[in-house]
Amino acid sequence: MQGSSIHGGNSVLGSTRMDNSFVVLPRHKPQAQGIPPRPRGASSPQPHDETHSGKAMEESFVVVDKPDSAAASQNTLSPAEVGQNGPLHSNTSGFNATINVLTRAFDIARTQTQVEQQLCLECMRVLSDKLEKEVEDVTRDVEAYEACVQRLEGETRDVLSEADFLREKRKIEEEERKLVAAIEESEKQNAEVNRQLKELESKGNRFNELEDGCRQEFNNFQFQLIAHQEERDAILAKMEVSQAHLELLNKTNVLIDAFPIRYDGDFGTINNFRLGRLPKAPVEWDEINAAWGQACLLLHTMCNCK
């Protein structure tokens, strides 16, 4: 960033757009002793670049360069030394002129700055465009409001007389009382409906509890029924098996199984014992005696069963 410098009555401008942002005060003494240099708009003729320097003082900041150490040491000399040495007196005058320039610059900055923080030219242009647009919008709104006011003022209005006004007022008050009474009645009905709603909600809660209990009991009974049905099916299966066994037993003759009577060739047998003998087939008398003993036992058993 480059700034513009003021040396007596000559000004040098920078080449960038920010050339109006800062003003650098001279580091050395001014052109004349005891006369503070004017930062802008001096009475003496200025070159063509004077307008840019004036804008810089009006719209920008002020930057002061630090004085050289030699100049600072010279400015602290005693008054006696100043009276004895001519250059020292000129340096003191230059320091006073610099102080005057700073005071004037600060006064200009305080008096001409209308905002809390300074803005550059680009920001000022953007802000100005926005403000102009807002002013145009407000102007259009004002024109629209004025048109509405004129239209309303141009409309014809029926002015009521005092009696008509009182009659309308009484009518409106009567309607208001009716509406207030209707509102109170509606509020009473609303309160009654709310009370009934609460009762119904409490009954509904009790019914829900009873329903839950009935469902629980139904589930328990269902489980018991399933258990009883399974037990019944098991008993029926056992009964079927027992019935089959009973039928088998009814069809079975114990005497036939205990004393089977068959034949073996020419001999009749009971429990495989032959009853008798032949010349061609001699049978032991022990077997014959056992066979007839079995026959007697069969007859005795049959007699006892009947």
Protein backbone atom coordinates (compact mmCIF):
# COMPACT_ATOMS: atom_id res chain seq x y z
CA MET A 1 0.00 0.00 0.00
CA GLN A 2 1.41 3.41 -0.97
CA GLY A 3 0.51 6.73 0.58
CA SER A 4 0.73 10.36 -0.48
CA SER A 5 3.39 12.63 1.07
CA ILE A 6 3.21 16.37 1.65
CA HIS A 7 6.56 18.25 1.50
CA GLY A 8 5.81 21.99 1.73
CA GLY A 9 3.55 22.73 -1.20
CA ASN A 10 4.37 19.59 -3.31
CA SER A 11 2.32 16.30 -3.22
CA VAL A 12 3.18 12.86 -4.58
CA LEU A 13 0.32 10.35 -5.23
CA GLY A 14 0.57 6.56 -5.21
CA SER A 15 -0.40 4.40 -8.15
CA THR A 16 -3.02 2.17 -6.46
CA ARG A 17 -6.69 2.72 -5.62
CA MET A 18 -5.82 3.08 -1.93
CA ASP A 19 -3.79 6.26 -2.64
CA ASN A 20 -6.43 8.25 -0.71
CA SER A 21 -6.20 6.13 2.45
CA PHE A 22 -3.22 7.61 4.34
CA VAL A 23 -1.38 10.94 4.54
CA VAL A 24 2.28 10.89 5.62
CA LEU A 25 3.56 14.06 7.26
CA PRO A 26 7.08 15.31 6.47
CA ARG A 27 9.95 13.98 8.49
CA HIS A 28 12.06 17.20 8.25
CA LYS A 29 11.29 20.85 8.87
CA PRO A 30 8.73 22.66 6.67
CA GLN A 31 9.51 25.15 3.93
CA ALA A 32 9.28 28.25 6.12
CA GLN A 33 10.11 28.70 9.78
CA GLY A 34 7.22 29.11 12.21
CA ILE A 35 4.55 28.56 9.50
CA PRO A 36 2.72 25.21 9.77
CA PRO A 37 2.21 23.47 6.46
CA ARG A 38 -1.40 23.16 5.34
CA PRO A 39 -2.45 19.55 4.79
CA ARG A 40 -5.08 20.48 2.20
CA GLY A 41 -6.52 23.46 0.35
CA ALA A 42 -3.67 25.90 0.99
CA SER A 43 -3.97 29.47 -0.34
CA SER A 44 -0.84 29.07 -2.45
CA PRO A 45 -1.25 27.49 -5.89
CA GLN A 46 -1.06 23.69 -5.90
CA PRO A 47 -0.36 21.19 -8.65
CA HIS A 48 -3.09 19.16 -10.34
CA ASP A 49 -2.80 16.42 -7.65
CA GLU A 50 -3.98 18.77 -4.88
CA THR A 51 -7.58 17.55 -5.08
CA HIS A 52 -6.53 13.99 -4.34
CA SER A 53 -4.53 15.13 -1.33
CA GLY A 54 -7.54 17.10 -0.02
CA LYS A 55 -9.76 14.02 -0.31
CA ALA A 56 -7.15 12.05 1.55
CA MET A 57 -7.32 14.50 4.48
CA GLU A 58 -11.12 14.47 4.45
CA GLU A 59 -11.79 10.75 4.08
CA SER A 60 -8.71 8.91 5.34
CA PHE A 61 -6.29 8.40 8.20
CA VAL A 62 -3.20 10.41 9.24
CA VAL A 63 0.14 8.64 9.72
CA VAL A 64 3.06 10.41 11.39
CA ASP A 65 6.60 9.18 10.81
CA LYS A 66 8.92 8.96 13.78
CA PRO A 67 11.60 11.69 13.78
CA ASP A 68 15.24 10.74 13.51
CA SER A 69 17.21 10.26 16.70
CA ALA A 70 19.45 13.21 15.81
CA ALA A 71 16.46 15.48 15.28
CA ALA A 72 14.92 14.31 18.56
CA SER A 73 18.15 15.03 20.44
CA GLN A 74 18.36 18.46 18.83
CA ASN A 75 14.78 19.28 19.81
CA THR A 76 15.63 18.75 23.49
CA LEU A 77 18.30 21.49 23.65
CA SER A 78 18.11 24.29 26.22
CA PRO A 79 16.89 27.79 25.32
CA ALA A 80 20.42 29.23 25.77
CA GLU A 81 21.85 26.88 23.21
CA VAL A 82 18.99 27.69 20.89
CA GLY A 83 19.76 31.38 21.11
CA GLN A 84 23.42 30.82 20.35
CA ASN A 85 22.91 28.50 17.38
CA GLY A 86 20.75 29.42 14.37
CA PRO A 87 20.09 25.87 13.03
CA LEU A 88 18.89 24.76 16.43
CA HIS A 89 16.33 27.54 16.43
CA SER A 90 15.11 26.41 13.01
CA ASN A 91 14.79 22.81 14.26
CA THR A 92 12.69 23.96 17.21
CA SER A 93 10.46 25.93 14.87
CA GLY A 94 10.07 22.84 12.68
CA PHE A 95 9.04 20.74 15.70
CA ASN A 96 6.43 23.32 16.70
CA ALA A 97 5.15 23.40 13.13
CA THR A 98 4.83 19.60 13.17
CA ILE A 99 2.86 19.78 16.43
CA ASN A 100 0.55 22.37 14.89
CA VAL A 101 0.05 20.18 11.82
CA LEU A 102 -0.82 17.18 14.01
CA THR A 103 -3.26 19.26 16.06
CA ARG A 104 -4.98 20.50 12.92
CA ALA A 105 -5.09 16.99 11.43
CA PHE A 106 -6.67 15.57 14.59
CA ASP A 107 -9.20 18.42 14.63
CA ILE A 108 -10.11 17.69 11.03
CA ALA A 109 -10.40 13.97 11.76
CA ARG A 110 -12.66 14.63 14.76
CA THR A 111 -14.90 17.18 13.10
CA GLN A 112 -15.37 15.64 9.66
CA THR A 113 -15.79 11.97 10.64
CA GLN A 114 -19.50 11.23 11.02
CA VAL A 115 -19.17 7.49 11.78
CA GLU A 116 -17.58 5.59 14.63
CA GLN A 117 -15.12 3.87 12.29
CA GLN A 118 -13.71 5.25 9.08
CA LEU A 119 -14.59 3.66 5.75
CA CYS A 120 -12.66 3.40 2.55
CA LEU A 121 -14.03 4.83 -0.70
CA GLU A 122 -15.18 1.43 -2.00
CA CYS A 123 -17.12 0.72 1.20
CA MET A 124 -18.59 4.20 1.09
CA ARG A 125 -19.82 3.64 -2.46
CA VAL A 126 -21.38 0.27 -1.54
CA LEU A 127 -23.03 1.79 1.53
CA SER A 128 -24.28 4.73 -0.50
CA ASP A 129 -25.84 2.41 -3.10
CA LYS A 130 -27.59 0.41 -0.39
CA LEU A 131 -28.89 3.53 1.31
CA GLU A 132 -30.16 4.90 -2.00
CA LYS A 133 -31.99 1.62 -2.66
CA GLU A 134 -33.57 1.73 0.80
CA VAL A 135 -34.58 5.34 0.24
CA GLU A 136 -36.24 4.36 -3.04
CA ASP A 137 -38.13 1.52 -1.33
CA VAL A 138 -39.28 3.83 1.45
CA THR A 139 -40.31 6.43 -1.12
CA ARG A 140 -42.44 3.87 -2.99
CA ASP A 141 -44.05 2.80 0.30
CA VAL A 142 -44.82 6.40 1.18
CA GLU A 143 -46.38 6.97 -2.24
CA ALA A 144 -48.51 3.83 -1.84
CA TYR A 145 -49.64 4.95 1.64
CA GLU A 146 -50.48 8.41 0.33
CA ALA A 147 -52.51 6.87 -2.50
CA CYS A 148 -54.43 4.75 0.01
CA VAL A 149 -55.07 7.76 2.21
CA GLN A 150 -56.33 9.77 -0.75
CA ARG A 151 -58.60 6.93 -1.83
CA LEU A 152 -60.00 6.57 1.69
CA GLU A 153 -60.51 10.31 1.97
CA GLY A 154 -62.33 10.30 -1.38
CA GLU A 155 -64.79 7.59 -0.35
CA THR A 156 -68.23 8.67 0.76
CA ARG A 157 -69.15 7.84 4.32
CA ASP A 158 -72.56 7.68 5.91
CA VAL A 159 -72.50 9.68 9.13
CA LEU A 160 -74.94 8.42 11.75
CA SER A 161 -77.03 10.78 13.76
CA GLU A 162 -76.89 10.83 17.55
CA ALA A 163 -80.10 8.81 17.89
CA ASP A 164 -79.00 6.25 15.31
CA PHE A 165 -75.62 6.01 17.00
CA LEU A 166 -77.20 5.38 20.40
CA ARG A 167 -79.58 2.84 18.89
CA GLU A 168 -76.73 1.01 17.19
CA LYS A 169 -74.73 1.19 20.40
CA ARG A 170 -77.57 -0.33 22.44
CA LYS A 171 -78.03 -2.99 19.79
CA ILE A 172 -74.36 -3.87 19.83
CA GLU A 173 -74.31 -3.90 23.65
CA GLU A 174 -77.32 -6.23 23.67
CA GLU A 175 -75.58 -8.52 21.19
CA GLU A 176 -72.47 -8.36 23.33
CA ARG A 177 -74.45 -9.39 26.44
CA LYS A 178 -76.02 -12.24 24.51
CA LEU A 179 -72.63 -13.34 23.28
CA VAL A 180 -71.20 -13.13 26.82
CA ALA A 181 -74.12 -15.20 28.13
CA ALA A 182 -73.63 -17.70 25.31
CA ILE A 183 -69.92 -17.88 26.11
CA GLU A 184 -70.67 -18.47 29.81
CA GLU A 185 -73.17 -21.18 28.90
CA SER A 186 -70.64 -22.74 26.55
CA GLU A 187 -68.04 -22.66 29.31
CA LYS A 188 -70.47 -24.38 31.69
CA GLN A 189 -71.24 -27.00 29.08
CA ASN A 190 -67.55 -27.39 28.42
CA ALA A 191 -66.90 -27.91 32.14
CA GLU A 192 -69.71 -30.47 32.32
CA VAL A 193 -68.41 -32.25 29.24
CA ASN A 194 -64.91 -32.28 30.74
CA ARG A 195 -66.29 -33.75 33.98
CA GLN A 196 -68.16 -36.44 32.07
CA LEU A 197 -65.09 -37.07 29.97
CA LYS A 198 -63.01 -37.61 33.12
CA GLU A 199 -65.64 -40.01 34.48
CA LEU A 200 -65.69 -41.90 31.20
CA GLU A 201 -61.91 -42.03 31.21
CA SER A 202 -61.92 -43.46 34.76
CA LYS A 203 -64.56 -46.01 33.75
CA GLY A 204 -62.59 -46.82 30.65
CA ASN A 205 -59.51 -47.40 32.80
CA ARG A 206 -61.49 -49.74 35.06
CA PHE A 207 -62.89 -51.58 32.04
CA ASN A 208 -59.39 -51.91 30.67
CA GLU A 209 -58.23 -53.38 33.97
CA LEU A 210 -61.18 -55.80 33.99
CA GLU A 211 -60.49 -56.71 30.39
CA ASP A 212 -56.87 -57.41 31.22
CA GLY A 213 -57.96 -59.58 34.16
CA CYS A 214 -60.48 -61.45 31.99
CA ARG A 215 -57.86 -62.03 29.34
CA GLN A 216 -55.48 -63.36 31.98
CA GLU A 217 -58.14 -65.71 33.35
CA PHE A 218 -59.12 -66.77 29.84
CA ASN A 219 -55.51 -67.61 29.08
CA ASN A 220 -55.25 -69.60 32.31
CA PHE A 221 -58.46 -71.48 31.54
CA GLN A 222 -57.23 -72.07 28.02
CA PHE A 223 -54.02 -73.58 29.35
CA GLN A 224 -55.98 -75.75 31.79
CA LEU A 225 -58.34 -76.85 29.02
CA ILE A 226 -55.42 -77.81 26.83
CA ALA A 227 -53.90 -79.77 29.73
CA HIS A 228 -57.23 -81.55 30.41
CA GLN A 229 -57.67 -82.31 26.72
CA GLU A 230 -54.21 -83.80 26.56
CA GLU A 231 -54.93 -85.87 29.68
CA ARG A 232 -58.27 -86.98 28.20
CA ASP A 233 -56.60 -88.00 24.97
CA ALA A 234 -54.05 -90.01 26.93
CA ILE A 235 -56.81 -91.73 28.93
CA LEU A 236 -58.78 -92.44 25.77
CA ALA A 237 -55.70 -93.96 24.19
CA LYS A 238 -55.21 -96.16 27.26
CA MET A 239 -58.88 -97.12 27.16
CA GLU A 240 -58.56 -98.11 23.53
CA VAL A 241 -55.55 -100.26 24.31
CA SER A 242 -57.34 -101.81 27.29
CA GLN A 243 -60.43 -102.41 25.20
CA ALA A 244 -58.34 -104.16 22.60
CA HIS A 245 -56.77 -106.29 25.30
CA LEU A 246 -60.21 -107.02 26.76
CA GLU A 247 -61.55 -108.09 23.42
CA LEU A 248 -58.53 -110.26 22.95
CA LEU A 249 -59.05 -111.79 26.38
CA ASN A 250 -62.73 -112.32 25.70
CA LYS A 251 -61.83 -114.21 22.58
CA THR A 252 -59.21 -116.23 24.44
CA ASN A 253 -60.18 -119.61 26.21
CA VAL A 254 -57.99 -120.33 29.19
CA LEU A 255 -58.79 -124.01 29.23
CA ILE A 256 -57.79 -124.38 25.61
CA ASP A 257 -54.46 -122.69 26.33
CA ALA A 258 -53.97 -124.63 29.59
CA PHE A 259 -55.04 -128.01 28.30
CA PRO A 260 -54.47 -128.13 24.55
CA ILE A 261 -56.04 -131.28 23.08
CA ARG A 262 -54.59 -132.48 19.78
CA TYR A 263 -53.71 -135.74 18.09
CA ASP A 264 -50.45 -137.29 17.23
CA GLY A 265 -50.85 -139.97 14.60
CA ASP A 266 -53.19 -142.62 15.95
CA PHE A 267 -53.16 -141.23 19.48
CA GLY A 268 -55.09 -138.37 21.05
CA THR A 269 -52.91 -136.04 23.14
CA ILE A 270 -53.51 -133.59 25.97
CA ASN A 271 -50.59 -131.32 26.82
CA ASN A 272 -48.55 -133.51 24.45
CA PHE A 273 -49.24 -136.59 26.54
CA ARG A 274 -50.62 -139.59 24.55
CA LEU A 275 -53.72 -141.30 25.79
CA GLY A 276 -53.24 -145.06 25.32
CA ARG A 277 -50.98 -147.45 23.45
CA LEU A 278 -51.05 -149.88 20.49
CA PRO A 279 -49.22 -153.07 19.81
CA LYS A 280 -47.30 -151.49 17.05
CA ALA A 281 -46.60 -148.30 19.14
CA PRO A 282 -46.00 -149.16 22.74
CA VAL A 283 -46.35 -146.03 24.96
CA GLU A 284 -44.97 -145.78 28.44
CA TRP A 285 -47.51 -146.18 31.14
CA ASP A 286 -46.15 -143.05 32.90
CA GLU A 287 -47.05 -140.95 29.88
CA ILE A 288 -50.47 -142.59 29.68
CA ASN A 289 -51.08 -141.94 33.40
CA ALA A 290 -49.99 -138.28 33.01
CA ALA A 291 -52.32 -137.83 30.06
CA TRP A 292 -55.31 -139.16 31.92
CA GLY A 293 -54.35 -137.07 34.94
CA GLN A 294 -54.45 -133.97 32.74
CA ALA A 295 -57.84 -135.03 31.44
CA CYS A 296 -59.19 -135.41 34.96
CA LEU A 297 -57.77 -132.02 35.93
CA LEU A 298 -59.49 -130.46 32.90
CA LEU A 299 -62.82 -131.94 33.89
CA HIS A 300 -62.38 -130.78 37.47
CA THR A 301 -61.52 -127.23 36.33
CA MET A 302 -64.50 -127.08 34.01
CA CYS A 303 -66.78 -128.13 36.83
CA ASN A 304 -65.43 -125.44 39.16
CA CYS A 305 -65.75 -122.68 36.51
CA LYS A 306 -69.43 -123.36 35.96
